Amino acid sequence: KTRSGLLWEVERLLNECTKLPQVL
């Protein structure tokens, strides 16, 4: 729950995606 720990919100979003972005 640190500010830098918000990185893992990106993981959550990607895991929820049915189609993924081609480039990160």
PDBML (XML) file of the C-alpha atoms, coordinates in Angstrom:
<?xml version="1.0" encoding="UTF-8" ?>
<PDBx:datablock datablockName="MODEL"
   xmlns:PDBx="http://pdbml.pdb.org/schema/pdbx-v50.xsd"
   xmlns:xsi="http://www.w3.org/2001/XMLSchema-instance"
   xsi:schemaLocation="http://pdbml.pdb.org/schema/pdbx-v50.xsd pdbx-v50.xsd">
   <PDBx:atom_siteCategory>
      <PDBx:atom_site id="1">
         <PDBx:B_iso_or_equiv>0.00</PDBx:B_iso_or_equiv>
         <PDBx:Cartn_x>0.000</PDBx:Cartn_x>
         <PDBx:Cartn_y>0.000</PDBx:Cartn_y>
         <PDBx:Cartn_z>0.000</PDBx:Cartn_z>
         <PDBx:auth_asym_id>A</PDBx:auth_asym_id>
         <PDBx:auth_atom_id>CA</PDBx:auth_atom_id>
         <PDBx:auth_comp_id>LYS</PDBx:auth_comp_id>
         <PDBx:auth_seq_id>1</PDBx:auth_seq_id>
         <PDBx:group_PDB>ATOM</PDBx:group_PDB>
         <PDBx:label_alt_id xsi:nil="true" />
         <PDBx:label_asym_id>A</PDBx:label_asym_id>
         <PDBx:label_atom_id>CA</PDBx:label_atom_id>
         <PDBx:label_comp_id>LYS</PDBx:label_comp_id>
         <PDBx:label_entity_id>1</PDBx:label_entity_id>
         <PDBx:label_seq_id>1</PDBx:label_seq_id>
         <PDBx:occupancy>1.00</PDBx:occupancy>
         <PDBx:pdbx_PDB_model_num>1</PDBx:pdbx_PDB_model_num>
         <PDBx:type_symbol>C</PDBx:type_symbol>
      </PDBx:atom_site>
      <PDBx:atom_site id="2">
         <PDBx:B_iso_or_equiv>0.00</PDBx:B_iso_or_equiv>
         <PDBx:Cartn_x>2.904</PDBx:Cartn_x>
         <PDBx:Cartn_y>2.372</PDBx:Cartn_y>
         <PDBx:Cartn_z>-0.641</PDBx:Cartn_z>
         <PDBx:auth_asym_id>A</PDBx:auth_asym_id>
         <PDBx:auth_atom_id>CA</PDBx:auth_atom_id>
         <PDBx:auth_comp_id>THR</PDBx:auth_comp_id>
         <PDBx:auth_seq_id>2</PDBx:auth_seq_id>
         <PDBx:group_PDB>ATOM</PDBx:group_PDB>
         <PDBx:label_alt_id xsi:nil="true" />
         <PDBx:label_asym_id>A</PDBx:label_asym_id>
         <PDBx:label_atom_id>CA</PDBx:label_atom_id>
         <PDBx:label_comp_id>THR</PDBx:label_comp_id>
         <PDBx:label_entity_id>1</PDBx:label_entity_id>
         <PDBx:label_seq_id>2</PDBx:label_seq_id>
         <PDBx:occupancy>1.00</PDBx:occupancy>
         <PDBx:pdbx_PDB_model_num>1</PDBx:pdbx_PDB_model_num>
         <PDBx:type_symbol>C</PDBx:type_symbol>
      </PDBx:atom_site>
      <PDBx:atom_site id="3">
         <PDBx:B_iso_or_equiv>0.00</PDBx:B_iso_or_equiv>
         <PDBx:Cartn_x>2.607</PDBx:Cartn_x>
         <PDBx:Cartn_y>4.919</PDBx:Cartn_y>
         <PDBx:Cartn_z>-3.449</PDBx:Cartn_z>
         <PDBx:auth_asym_id>A</PDBx:auth_asym_id>
         <PDBx:auth_atom_id>CA</PDBx:auth_atom_id>
         <PDBx:auth_comp_id>ARG</PDBx:auth_comp_id>
         <PDBx:auth_seq_id>3</PDBx:auth_seq_id>
         <PDBx:group_PDB>ATOM</PDBx:group_PDB>
         <PDBx:label_alt_id xsi:nil="true" />
         <PDBx:label_asym_id>A</PDBx:label_asym_id>
         <PDBx:label_atom_id>CA</PDBx:label_atom_id>
         <PDBx:label_comp_id>ARG</PDBx:label_comp_id>
         <PDBx:label_entity_id>1</PDBx:label_entity_id>
         <PDBx:label_seq_id>3</PDBx:label_seq_id>
         <PDBx:occupancy>1.00</PDBx:occupancy>
         <PDBx:pdbx_PDB_model_num>1</PDBx:pdbx_PDB_model_num>
         <PDBx:type_symbol>C</PDBx:type_symbol>
      </PDBx:atom_site>
      <PDBx:atom_site id="4">
         <PDBx:B_iso_or_equiv>0.00</PDBx:B_iso_or_equiv>
         <PDBx:Cartn_x>5.178</PDBx:Cartn_x>
         <PDBx:Cartn_y>3.008</PDBx:Cartn_y>
         <PDBx:Cartn_z>-5.486</PDBx:Cartn_z>
         <PDBx:auth_asym_id>A</PDBx:auth_asym_id>
         <PDBx:auth_atom_id>CA</PDBx:auth_atom_id>
         <PDBx:auth_comp_id>SER</PDBx:auth_comp_id>
         <PDBx:auth_seq_id>4</PDBx:auth_seq_id>
         <PDBx:group_PDB>ATOM</PDBx:group_PDB>
         <PDBx:label_alt_id xsi:nil="true" />
         <PDBx:label_asym_id>A</PDBx:label_asym_id>
         <PDBx:label_atom_id>CA</PDBx:label_atom_id>
         <PDBx:label_comp_id>SER</PDBx:label_comp_id>
         <PDBx:label_entity_id>1</PDBx:label_entity_id>
         <PDBx:label_seq_id>4</PDBx:label_seq_id>
         <PDBx:occupancy>1.00</PDBx:occupancy>
         <PDBx:pdbx_PDB_model_num>1</PDBx:pdbx_PDB_model_num>
         <PDBx:type_symbol>C</PDBx:type_symbol>
      </PDBx:atom_site>
      <PDBx:atom_site id="5">
         <PDBx:B_iso_or_equiv>0.00</PDBx:B_iso_or_equiv>
         <PDBx:Cartn_x>3.191</PDBx:Cartn_x>
         <PDBx:Cartn_y>-0.135</PDBx:Cartn_y>
         <PDBx:Cartn_z>-4.753</PDBx:Cartn_z>
         <PDBx:auth_asym_id>A</PDBx:auth_asym_id>
         <PDBx:auth_atom_id>CA</PDBx:auth_atom_id>
         <PDBx:auth_comp_id>GLY</PDBx:auth_comp_id>
         <PDBx:auth_seq_id>5</PDBx:auth_seq_id>
         <PDBx:group_PDB>ATOM</PDBx:group_PDB>
         <PDBx:label_alt_id xsi:nil="true" />
         <PDBx:label_asym_id>A</PDBx:label_asym_id>
         <PDBx:label_atom_id>CA</PDBx:label_atom_id>
         <PDBx:label_comp_id>GLY</PDBx:label_comp_id>
         <PDBx:label_entity_id>1</PDBx:label_entity_id>
         <PDBx:label_seq_id>5</PDBx:label_seq_id>
         <PDBx:occupancy>1.00</PDBx:occupancy>
         <PDBx:pdbx_PDB_model_num>1</PDBx:pdbx_PDB_model_num>
         <PDBx:type_symbol>C</PDBx:type_symbol>
      </PDBx:atom_site>
      <PDBx:atom_site id="6">
         <PDBx:B_iso_or_equiv>0.00</PDBx:B_iso_or_equiv>
         <PDBx:Cartn_x>0.533</PDBx:Cartn_x>
         <PDBx:Cartn_y>1.230</PDBx:Cartn_y>
         <PDBx:Cartn_z>-7.130</PDBx:Cartn_z>
         <PDBx:auth_asym_id>A</PDBx:auth_asym_id>
         <PDBx:auth_atom_id>CA</PDBx:auth_atom_id>
         <PDBx:auth_comp_id>LEU</PDBx:auth_comp_id>
         <PDBx:auth_seq_id>6</PDBx:auth_seq_id>
         <PDBx:group_PDB>ATOM</PDBx:group_PDB>
         <PDBx:label_alt_id xsi:nil="true" />
         <PDBx:label_asym_id>A</PDBx:label_asym_id>
         <PDBx:label_atom_id>CA</PDBx:label_atom_id>
         <PDBx:label_comp_id>LEU</PDBx:label_comp_id>
         <PDBx:label_entity_id>1</PDBx:label_entity_id>
         <PDBx:label_seq_id>6</PDBx:label_seq_id>
         <PDBx:occupancy>1.00</PDBx:occupancy>
         <PDBx:pdbx_PDB_model_num>1</PDBx:pdbx_PDB_model_num>
         <PDBx:type_symbol>C</PDBx:type_symbol>
      </PDBx:atom_site>
      <PDBx:atom_site id="7">
         <PDBx:B_iso_or_equiv>0.00</PDBx:B_iso_or_equiv>
         <PDBx:Cartn_x>2.555</PDBx:Cartn_x>
         <PDBx:Cartn_y>-0.639</PDBx:Cartn_y>
         <PDBx:Cartn_z>-9.764</PDBx:Cartn_z>
         <PDBx:auth_asym_id>A</PDBx:auth_asym_id>
         <PDBx:auth_atom_id>CA</PDBx:auth_atom_id>
         <PDBx:auth_comp_id>LEU</PDBx:auth_comp_id>
         <PDBx:auth_seq_id>7</PDBx:auth_seq_id>
         <PDBx:group_PDB>ATOM</PDBx:group_PDB>
         <PDBx:label_alt_id xsi:nil="true" />
         <PDBx:label_asym_id>A</PDBx:label_asym_id>
         <PDBx:label_atom_id>CA</PDBx:label_atom_id>
         <PDBx:label_comp_id>LEU</PDBx:label_comp_id>
         <PDBx:label_entity_id>1</PDBx:label_entity_id>
         <PDBx:label_seq_id>7</PDBx:label_seq_id>
         <PDBx:occupancy>1.00</PDBx:occupancy>
         <PDBx:pdbx_PDB_model_num>1</PDBx:pdbx_PDB_model_num>
         <PDBx:type_symbol>C</PDBx:type_symbol>
      </PDBx:atom_site>
      <PDBx:atom_site id="8">
         <PDBx:B_iso_or_equiv>0.00</PDBx:B_iso_or_equiv>
         <PDBx:Cartn_x>0.527</PDBx:Cartn_x>
         <PDBx:Cartn_y>-3.714</PDBx:Cartn_y>
         <PDBx:Cartn_z>-8.878</PDBx:Cartn_z>
         <PDBx:auth_asym_id>A</PDBx:auth_asym_id>
         <PDBx:auth_atom_id>CA</PDBx:auth_atom_id>
         <PDBx:auth_comp_id>TRP</PDBx:auth_comp_id>
         <PDBx:auth_seq_id>8</PDBx:auth_seq_id>
         <PDBx:group_PDB>ATOM</PDBx:group_PDB>
         <PDBx:label_alt_id xsi:nil="true" />
         <PDBx:label_asym_id>A</PDBx:label_asym_id>
         <PDBx:label_atom_id>CA</PDBx:label_atom_id>
         <PDBx:label_comp_id>TRP</PDBx:label_comp_id>
         <PDBx:label_entity_id>1</PDBx:label_entity_id>
         <PDBx:label_seq_id>8</PDBx:label_seq_id>
         <PDBx:occupancy>1.00</PDBx:occupancy>
         <PDBx:pdbx_PDB_model_num>1</PDBx:pdbx_PDB_model_num>
         <PDBx:type_symbol>C</PDBx:type_symbol>
      </PDBx:atom_site>
      <PDBx:atom_site id="9">
         <PDBx:B_iso_or_equiv>0.00</PDBx:B_iso_or_equiv>
         <PDBx:Cartn_x>-2.672</PDBx:Cartn_x>
         <PDBx:Cartn_y>-1.963</PDBx:Cartn_y>
         <PDBx:Cartn_z>-9.880</PDBx:Cartn_z>
         <PDBx:auth_asym_id>A</PDBx:auth_asym_id>
         <PDBx:auth_atom_id>CA</PDBx:auth_atom_id>
         <PDBx:auth_comp_id>GLU</PDBx:auth_comp_id>
         <PDBx:auth_seq_id>9</PDBx:auth_seq_id>
         <PDBx:group_PDB>ATOM</PDBx:group_PDB>
         <PDBx:label_alt_id xsi:nil="true" />
         <PDBx:label_asym_id>A</PDBx:label_asym_id>
         <PDBx:label_atom_id>CA</PDBx:label_atom_id>
         <PDBx:label_comp_id>GLU</PDBx:label_comp_id>
         <PDBx:label_entity_id>1</PDBx:label_entity_id>
         <PDBx:label_seq_id>9</PDBx:label_seq_id>
         <PDBx:occupancy>1.00</PDBx:occupancy>
         <PDBx:pdbx_PDB_model_num>1</PDBx:pdbx_PDB_model_num>
         <PDBx:type_symbol>C</PDBx:type_symbol>
      </PDBx:atom_site>
      <PDBx:atom_site id="10">
         <PDBx:B_iso_or_equiv>0.00</PDBx:B_iso_or_equiv>
         <PDBx:Cartn_x>-1.272</PDBx:Cartn_x>
         <PDBx:Cartn_y>-2.193</PDBx:Cartn_y>
         <PDBx:Cartn_z>-13.412</PDBx:Cartn_z>
         <PDBx:auth_asym_id>A</PDBx:auth_asym_id>
         <PDBx:auth_atom_id>CA</PDBx:auth_atom_id>
         <PDBx:auth_comp_id>VAL</PDBx:auth_comp_id>
         <PDBx:auth_seq_id>10</PDBx:auth_seq_id>
         <PDBx:group_PDB>ATOM</PDBx:group_PDB>
         <PDBx:label_alt_id xsi:nil="true" />
         <PDBx:label_asym_id>A</PDBx:label_asym_id>
         <PDBx:label_atom_id>CA</PDBx:label_atom_id>
         <PDBx:label_comp_id>VAL</PDBx:label_comp_id>
         <PDBx:label_entity_id>1</PDBx:label_entity_id>
         <PDBx:label_seq_id>10</PDBx:label_seq_id>
         <PDBx:occupancy>1.00</PDBx:occupancy>
         <PDBx:pdbx_PDB_model_num>1</PDBx:pdbx_PDB_model_num>
         <PDBx:type_symbol>C</PDBx:type_symbol>
      </PDBx:atom_site>
      <PDBx:atom_site id="11">
         <PDBx:B_iso_or_equiv>0.00</PDBx:B_iso_or_equiv>
         <PDBx:Cartn_x>-0.921</PDBx:Cartn_x>
         <PDBx:Cartn_y>-5.952</PDBx:Cartn_y>
         <PDBx:Cartn_z>-12.946</PDBx:Cartn_z>
         <PDBx:auth_asym_id>A</PDBx:auth_asym_id>
         <PDBx:auth_atom_id>CA</PDBx:auth_atom_id>
         <PDBx:auth_comp_id>GLU</PDBx:auth_comp_id>
         <PDBx:auth_seq_id>11</PDBx:auth_seq_id>
         <PDBx:group_PDB>ATOM</PDBx:group_PDB>
         <PDBx:label_alt_id xsi:nil="true" />
         <PDBx:label_asym_id>A</PDBx:label_asym_id>
         <PDBx:label_atom_id>CA</PDBx:label_atom_id>
         <PDBx:label_comp_id>GLU</PDBx:label_comp_id>
         <PDBx:label_entity_id>1</PDBx:label_entity_id>
         <PDBx:label_seq_id>11</PDBx:label_seq_id>
         <PDBx:occupancy>1.00</PDBx:occupancy>
         <PDBx:pdbx_PDB_model_num>1</PDBx:pdbx_PDB_model_num>
         <PDBx:type_symbol>C</PDBx:type_symbol>
      </PDBx:atom_site>
      <PDBx:atom_site id="12">
         <PDBx:B_iso_or_equiv>0.00</PDBx:B_iso_or_equiv>
         <PDBx:Cartn_x>-4.527</PDBx:Cartn_x>
         <PDBx:Cartn_y>-6.137</PDBx:Cartn_y>
         <PDBx:Cartn_z>-11.771</PDBx:Cartn_z>
         <PDBx:auth_asym_id>A</PDBx:auth_asym_id>
         <PDBx:auth_atom_id>CA</PDBx:auth_atom_id>
         <PDBx:auth_comp_id>ARG</PDBx:auth_comp_id>
         <PDBx:auth_seq_id>12</PDBx:auth_seq_id>
         <PDBx:group_PDB>ATOM</PDBx:group_PDB>
         <PDBx:label_alt_id xsi:nil="true" />
         <PDBx:label_asym_id>A</PDBx:label_asym_id>
         <PDBx:label_atom_id>CA</PDBx:label_atom_id>
         <PDBx:label_comp_id>ARG</PDBx:label_comp_id>
         <PDBx:label_entity_id>1</PDBx:label_entity_id>
         <PDBx:label_seq_id>12</PDBx:label_seq_id>
         <PDBx:occupancy>1.00</PDBx:occupancy>
         <PDBx:pdbx_PDB_model_num>1</PDBx:pdbx_PDB_model_num>
         <PDBx:type_symbol>C</PDBx:type_symbol>
      </PDBx:atom_site>
      <PDBx:atom_site id="13">
         <PDBx:B_iso_or_equiv>0.00</PDBx:B_iso_or_equiv>
         <PDBx:Cartn_x>-5.777</PDBx:Cartn_x>
         <PDBx:Cartn_y>-4.271</PDBx:Cartn_y>
         <PDBx:Cartn_z>-14.823</PDBx:Cartn_z>
         <PDBx:auth_asym_id>A</PDBx:auth_asym_id>
         <PDBx:auth_atom_id>CA</PDBx:auth_atom_id>
         <PDBx:auth_comp_id>LEU</PDBx:auth_comp_id>
         <PDBx:auth_seq_id>13</PDBx:auth_seq_id>
         <PDBx:group_PDB>ATOM</PDBx:group_PDB>
         <PDBx:label_alt_id xsi:nil="true" />
         <PDBx:label_asym_id>A</PDBx:label_asym_id>
         <PDBx:label_atom_id>CA</PDBx:label_atom_id>
         <PDBx:label_comp_id>LEU</PDBx:label_comp_id>
         <PDBx:label_entity_id>1</PDBx:label_entity_id>
         <PDBx:label_seq_id>13</PDBx:label_seq_id>
         <PDBx:occupancy>1.00</PDBx:occupancy>
         <PDBx:pdbx_PDB_model_num>1</PDBx:pdbx_PDB_model_num>
         <PDBx:type_symbol>C</PDBx:type_symbol>
      </PDBx:atom_site>
      <PDBx:atom_site id="14">
         <PDBx:B_iso_or_equiv>0.00</PDBx:B_iso_or_equiv>
         <PDBx:Cartn_x>-3.751</PDBx:Cartn_x>
         <PDBx:Cartn_y>-6.386</PDBx:Cartn_y>
         <PDBx:Cartn_z>-17.250</PDBx:Cartn_z>
         <PDBx:auth_asym_id>A</PDBx:auth_asym_id>
         <PDBx:auth_atom_id>CA</PDBx:auth_atom_id>
         <PDBx:auth_comp_id>LEU</PDBx:auth_comp_id>
         <PDBx:auth_seq_id>14</PDBx:auth_seq_id>
         <PDBx:group_PDB>ATOM</PDBx:group_PDB>
         <PDBx:label_alt_id xsi:nil="true" />
         <PDBx:label_asym_id>A</PDBx:label_asym_id>
         <PDBx:label_atom_id>CA</PDBx:label_atom_id>
         <PDBx:label_comp_id>LEU</PDBx:label_comp_id>
         <PDBx:label_entity_id>1</PDBx:label_entity_id>
         <PDBx:label_seq_id>14</PDBx:label_seq_id>
         <PDBx:occupancy>1.00</PDBx:occupancy>
         <PDBx:pdbx_PDB_model_num>1</PDBx:pdbx_PDB_model_num>
         <PDBx:type_symbol>C</PDBx:type_symbol>
      </PDBx:atom_site>
      <PDBx:atom_site id="15">
         <PDBx:B_iso_or_equiv>0.00</PDBx:B_iso_or_equiv>
         <PDBx:Cartn_x>-4.965</PDBx:Cartn_x>
         <PDBx:Cartn_y>-9.590</PDBx:Cartn_y>
         <PDBx:Cartn_z>-15.623</PDBx:Cartn_z>
         <PDBx:auth_asym_id>A</PDBx:auth_asym_id>
         <PDBx:auth_atom_id>CA</PDBx:auth_atom_id>
         <PDBx:auth_comp_id>ASN</PDBx:auth_comp_id>
         <PDBx:auth_seq_id>15</PDBx:auth_seq_id>
         <PDBx:group_PDB>ATOM</PDBx:group_PDB>
         <PDBx:label_alt_id xsi:nil="true" />
         <PDBx:label_asym_id>A</PDBx:label_asym_id>
         <PDBx:label_atom_id>CA</PDBx:label_atom_id>
         <PDBx:label_comp_id>ASN</PDBx:label_comp_id>
         <PDBx:label_entity_id>1</PDBx:label_entity_id>
         <PDBx:label_seq_id>15</PDBx:label_seq_id>
         <PDBx:occupancy>1.00</PDBx:occupancy>
         <PDBx:pdbx_PDB_model_num>1</PDBx:pdbx_PDB_model_num>
         <PDBx:type_symbol>C</PDBx:type_symbol>
      </PDBx:atom_site>
      <PDBx:atom_site id="16">
         <PDBx:B_iso_or_equiv>0.00</PDBx:B_iso_or_equiv>
         <PDBx:Cartn_x>-8.549</PDBx:Cartn_x>
         <PDBx:Cartn_y>-8.392</PDBx:Cartn_y>
         <PDBx:Cartn_z>-16.036</PDBx:Cartn_z>
         <PDBx:auth_asym_id>A</PDBx:auth_asym_id>
         <PDBx:auth_atom_id>CA</PDBx:auth_atom_id>
         <PDBx:auth_comp_id>GLU</PDBx:auth_comp_id>
         <PDBx:auth_seq_id>16</PDBx:auth_seq_id>
         <PDBx:group_PDB>ATOM</PDBx:group_PDB>
         <PDBx:label_alt_id xsi:nil="true" />
         <PDBx:label_asym_id>A</PDBx:label_asym_id>
         <PDBx:label_atom_id>CA</PDBx:label_atom_id>
         <PDBx:label_comp_id>GLU</PDBx:label_comp_id>
         <PDBx:label_entity_id>1</PDBx:label_entity_id>
         <PDBx:label_seq_id>16</PDBx:label_seq_id>
         <PDBx:occupancy>1.00</PDBx:occupancy>
         <PDBx:pdbx_PDB_model_num>1</PDBx:pdbx_PDB_model_num>
         <PDBx:type_symbol>C</PDBx:type_symbol>
      </PDBx:atom_site>
      <PDBx:atom_site id="17">
         <PDBx:B_iso_or_equiv>0.00</PDBx:B_iso_or_equiv>
         <PDBx:Cartn_x>-8.097</PDBx:Cartn_x>
         <PDBx:Cartn_y>-7.625</PDBx:Cartn_y>
         <PDBx:Cartn_z>-19.744</PDBx:Cartn_z>
         <PDBx:auth_asym_id>A</PDBx:auth_asym_id>
         <PDBx:auth_atom_id>CA</PDBx:auth_atom_id>
         <PDBx:auth_comp_id>CYS</PDBx:auth_comp_id>
         <PDBx:auth_seq_id>17</PDBx:auth_seq_id>
         <PDBx:group_PDB>ATOM</PDBx:group_PDB>
         <PDBx:label_alt_id xsi:nil="true" />
         <PDBx:label_asym_id>A</PDBx:label_asym_id>
         <PDBx:label_atom_id>CA</PDBx:label_atom_id>
         <PDBx:label_comp_id>CYS</PDBx:label_comp_id>
         <PDBx:label_entity_id>1</PDBx:label_entity_id>
         <PDBx:label_seq_id>17</PDBx:label_seq_id>
         <PDBx:occupancy>1.00</PDBx:occupancy>
         <PDBx:pdbx_PDB_model_num>1</PDBx:pdbx_PDB_model_num>
         <PDBx:type_symbol>C</PDBx:type_symbol>
      </PDBx:atom_site>
      <PDBx:atom_site id="18">
         <PDBx:B_iso_or_equiv>0.00</PDBx:B_iso_or_equiv>
         <PDBx:Cartn_x>-9.572</PDBx:Cartn_x>
         <PDBx:Cartn_y>-9.956</PDBx:Cartn_y>
         <PDBx:Cartn_z>-22.354</PDBx:Cartn_z>
         <PDBx:auth_asym_id>A</PDBx:auth_asym_id>
         <PDBx:auth_atom_id>CA</PDBx:auth_atom_id>
         <PDBx:auth_comp_id>THR</PDBx:auth_comp_id>
         <PDBx:auth_seq_id>18</PDBx:auth_seq_id>
         <PDBx:group_PDB>ATOM</PDBx:group_PDB>
         <PDBx:label_alt_id xsi:nil="true" />
         <PDBx:label_asym_id>A</PDBx:label_asym_id>
         <PDBx:label_atom_id>CA</PDBx:label_atom_id>
         <PDBx:label_comp_id>THR</PDBx:label_comp_id>
         <PDBx:label_entity_id>1</PDBx:label_entity_id>
         <PDBx:label_seq_id>18</PDBx:label_seq_id>
         <PDBx:occupancy>1.00</PDBx:occupancy>
         <PDBx:pdbx_PDB_model_num>1</PDBx:pdbx_PDB_model_num>
         <PDBx:type_symbol>C</PDBx:type_symbol>
      </PDBx:atom_site>
      <PDBx:atom_site id="19">
         <PDBx:B_iso_or_equiv>0.00</PDBx:B_iso_or_equiv>
         <PDBx:Cartn_x>-7.340</PDBx:Cartn_x>
         <PDBx:Cartn_y>-8.274</PDBx:Cartn_y>
         <PDBx:Cartn_z>-24.939</PDBx:Cartn_z>
         <PDBx:auth_asym_id>A</PDBx:auth_asym_id>
         <PDBx:auth_atom_id>CA</PDBx:auth_atom_id>
         <PDBx:auth_comp_id>LYS</PDBx:auth_comp_id>
         <PDBx:auth_seq_id>19</PDBx:auth_seq_id>
         <PDBx:group_PDB>ATOM</PDBx:group_PDB>
         <PDBx:label_alt_id xsi:nil="true" />
         <PDBx:label_asym_id>A</PDBx:label_asym_id>
         <PDBx:label_atom_id>CA</PDBx:label_atom_id>
         <PDBx:label_comp_id>LYS</PDBx:label_comp_id>
         <PDBx:label_entity_id>1</PDBx:label_entity_id>
         <PDBx:label_seq_id>19</PDBx:label_seq_id>
         <PDBx:occupancy>1.00</PDBx:occupancy>
         <PDBx:pdbx_PDB_model_num>1</PDBx:pdbx_PDB_model_num>
         <PDBx:type_symbol>C</PDBx:type_symbol>
      </PDBx:atom_site>
      <PDBx:atom_site id="20">
         <PDBx:B_iso_or_equiv>0.00</PDBx:B_iso_or_equiv>
         <PDBx:Cartn_x>-3.899</PDBx:Cartn_x>
         <PDBx:Cartn_y>-6.994</PDBx:Cartn_y>
         <PDBx:Cartn_z>-23.962</PDBx:Cartn_z>
         <PDBx:auth_asym_id>A</PDBx:auth_asym_id>
         <PDBx:auth_atom_id>CA</PDBx:auth_atom_id>
         <PDBx:auth_comp_id>LEU</PDBx:auth_comp_id>
         <PDBx:auth_seq_id>20</PDBx:auth_seq_id>
         <PDBx:group_PDB>ATOM</PDBx:group_PDB>
         <PDBx:label_alt_id xsi:nil="true" />
         <PDBx:label_asym_id>A</PDBx:label_asym_id>
         <PDBx:label_atom_id>CA</PDBx:label_atom_id>
         <PDBx:label_comp_id>LEU</PDBx:label_comp_id>
         <PDBx:label_entity_id>1</PDBx:label_entity_id>
         <PDBx:label_seq_id>20</PDBx:label_seq_id>
         <PDBx:occupancy>1.00</PDBx:occupancy>
         <PDBx:pdbx_PDB_model_num>1</PDBx:pdbx_PDB_model_num>
         <PDBx:type_symbol>C</PDBx:type_symbol>
      </PDBx:atom_site>
      <PDBx:atom_site id="21">
         <PDBx:B_iso_or_equiv>0.00</PDBx:B_iso_or_equiv>
         <PDBx:Cartn_x>-1.971</PDBx:Cartn_x>
         <PDBx:Cartn_y>-3.942</PDBx:Cartn_y>
         <PDBx:Cartn_z>-25.159</PDBx:Cartn_z>
         <PDBx:auth_asym_id>A</PDBx:auth_asym_id>
         <PDBx:auth_atom_id>CA</PDBx:auth_atom_id>
         <PDBx:auth_comp_id>PRO</PDBx:auth_comp_id>
         <PDBx:auth_seq_id>21</PDBx:auth_seq_id>
         <PDBx:group_PDB>ATOM</PDBx:group_PDB>
         <PDBx:label_alt_id xsi:nil="true" />
         <PDBx:label_asym_id>A</PDBx:label_asym_id>
         <PDBx:label_atom_id>CA</PDBx:label_atom_id>
         <PDBx:label_comp_id>PRO</PDBx:label_comp_id>
         <PDBx:label_entity_id>1</PDBx:label_entity_id>
         <PDBx:label_seq_id>21</PDBx:label_seq_id>
         <PDBx:occupancy>1.00</PDBx:occupancy>
         <PDBx:pdbx_PDB_model_num>1</PDBx:pdbx_PDB_model_num>
         <PDBx:type_symbol>C</PDBx:type_symbol>
      </PDBx:atom_site>
      <PDBx:atom_site id="22">
         <PDBx:B_iso_or_equiv>0.00</PDBx:B_iso_or_equiv>
         <PDBx:Cartn_x>0.686</PDBx:Cartn_x>
         <PDBx:Cartn_y>-4.954</PDBx:Cartn_y>
         <PDBx:Cartn_z>-27.693</PDBx:Cartn_z>
         <PDBx:auth_asym_id>A</PDBx:auth_asym_id>
         <PDBx:auth_atom_id>CA</PDBx:auth_atom_id>
         <PDBx:auth_comp_id>GLN</PDBx:auth_comp_id>
         <PDBx:auth_seq_id>22</PDBx:auth_seq_id>
         <PDBx:group_PDB>ATOM</PDBx:group_PDB>
         <PDBx:label_alt_id xsi:nil="true" />
         <PDBx:label_asym_id>A</PDBx:label_asym_id>
         <PDBx:label_atom_id>CA</PDBx:label_atom_id>
         <PDBx:label_comp_id>GLN</PDBx:label_comp_id>
         <PDBx:label_entity_id>1</PDBx:label_entity_id>
         <PDBx:label_seq_id>22</PDBx:label_seq_id>
         <PDBx:occupancy>1.00</PDBx:occupancy>
         <PDBx:pdbx_PDB_model_num>1</PDBx:pdbx_PDB_model_num>
         <PDBx:type_symbol>C</PDBx:type_symbol>
      </PDBx:atom_site>
      <PDBx:atom_site id="23">
         <PDBx:B_iso_or_equiv>0.00</PDBx:B_iso_or_equiv>
         <PDBx:Cartn_x>3.305</PDBx:Cartn_x>
         <PDBx:Cartn_y>-2.641</PDBx:Cartn_y>
         <PDBx:Cartn_z>-26.151</PDBx:Cartn_z>
         <PDBx:auth_asym_id>A</PDBx:auth_asym_id>
         <PDBx:auth_atom_id>CA</PDBx:auth_atom_id>
         <PDBx:auth_comp_id>VAL</PDBx:auth_comp_id>
         <PDBx:auth_seq_id>23</PDBx:auth_seq_id>
         <PDBx:group_PDB>ATOM</PDBx:group_PDB>
         <PDBx:label_alt_id xsi:nil="true" />
         <PDBx:label_asym_id>A</PDBx:label_asym_id>
         <PDBx:label_atom_id>CA</PDBx:label_atom_id>
         <PDBx:label_comp_id>VAL</PDBx:label_comp_id>
         <PDBx:label_entity_id>1</PDBx:label_entity_id>
         <PDBx:label_seq_id>23</PDBx:label_seq_id>
         <PDBx:occupancy>1.00</PDBx:occupancy>
         <PDBx:pdbx_PDB_model_num>1</PDBx:pdbx_PDB_model_num>
         <PDBx:type_symbol>C</PDBx:type_symbol>
      </PDBx:atom_site>
      <PDBx:atom_site id="24">
         <PDBx:B_iso_or_equiv>0.00</PDBx:B_iso_or_equiv>
         <PDBx:Cartn_x>3.978</PDBx:Cartn_x>
         <PDBx:Cartn_y>-1.512</PDBx:Cartn_y>
         <PDBx:Cartn_z>-22.582</PDBx:Cartn_z>
         <PDBx:auth_asym_id>A</PDBx:auth_asym_id>
         <PDBx:auth_atom_id>CA</PDBx:auth_atom_id>
         <PDBx:auth_comp_id>LEU</PDBx:auth_comp_id>
         <PDBx:auth_seq_id>24</PDBx:auth_seq_id>
         <PDBx:group_PDB>ATOM</PDBx:group_PDB>
         <PDBx:label_alt_id xsi:nil="true" />
         <PDBx:label_asym_id>A</PDBx:label_asym_id>
         <PDBx:label_atom_id>CA</PDBx:label_atom_id>
         <PDBx:label_comp_id>LEU</PDBx:label_comp_id>
         <PDBx:label_entity_id>1</PDBx:label_entity_id>
         <PDBx:label_seq_id>24</PDBx:label_seq_id>
         <PDBx:occupancy>1.00</PDBx:occupancy>
         <PDBx:pdbx_PDB_model_num>1</PDBx:pdbx_PDB_model_num>
         <PDBx:type_symbol>C</PDBx:type_symbol>
      </PDBx:atom_site>
   </PDBx:atom_siteCategory>
</PDBx:datablock>
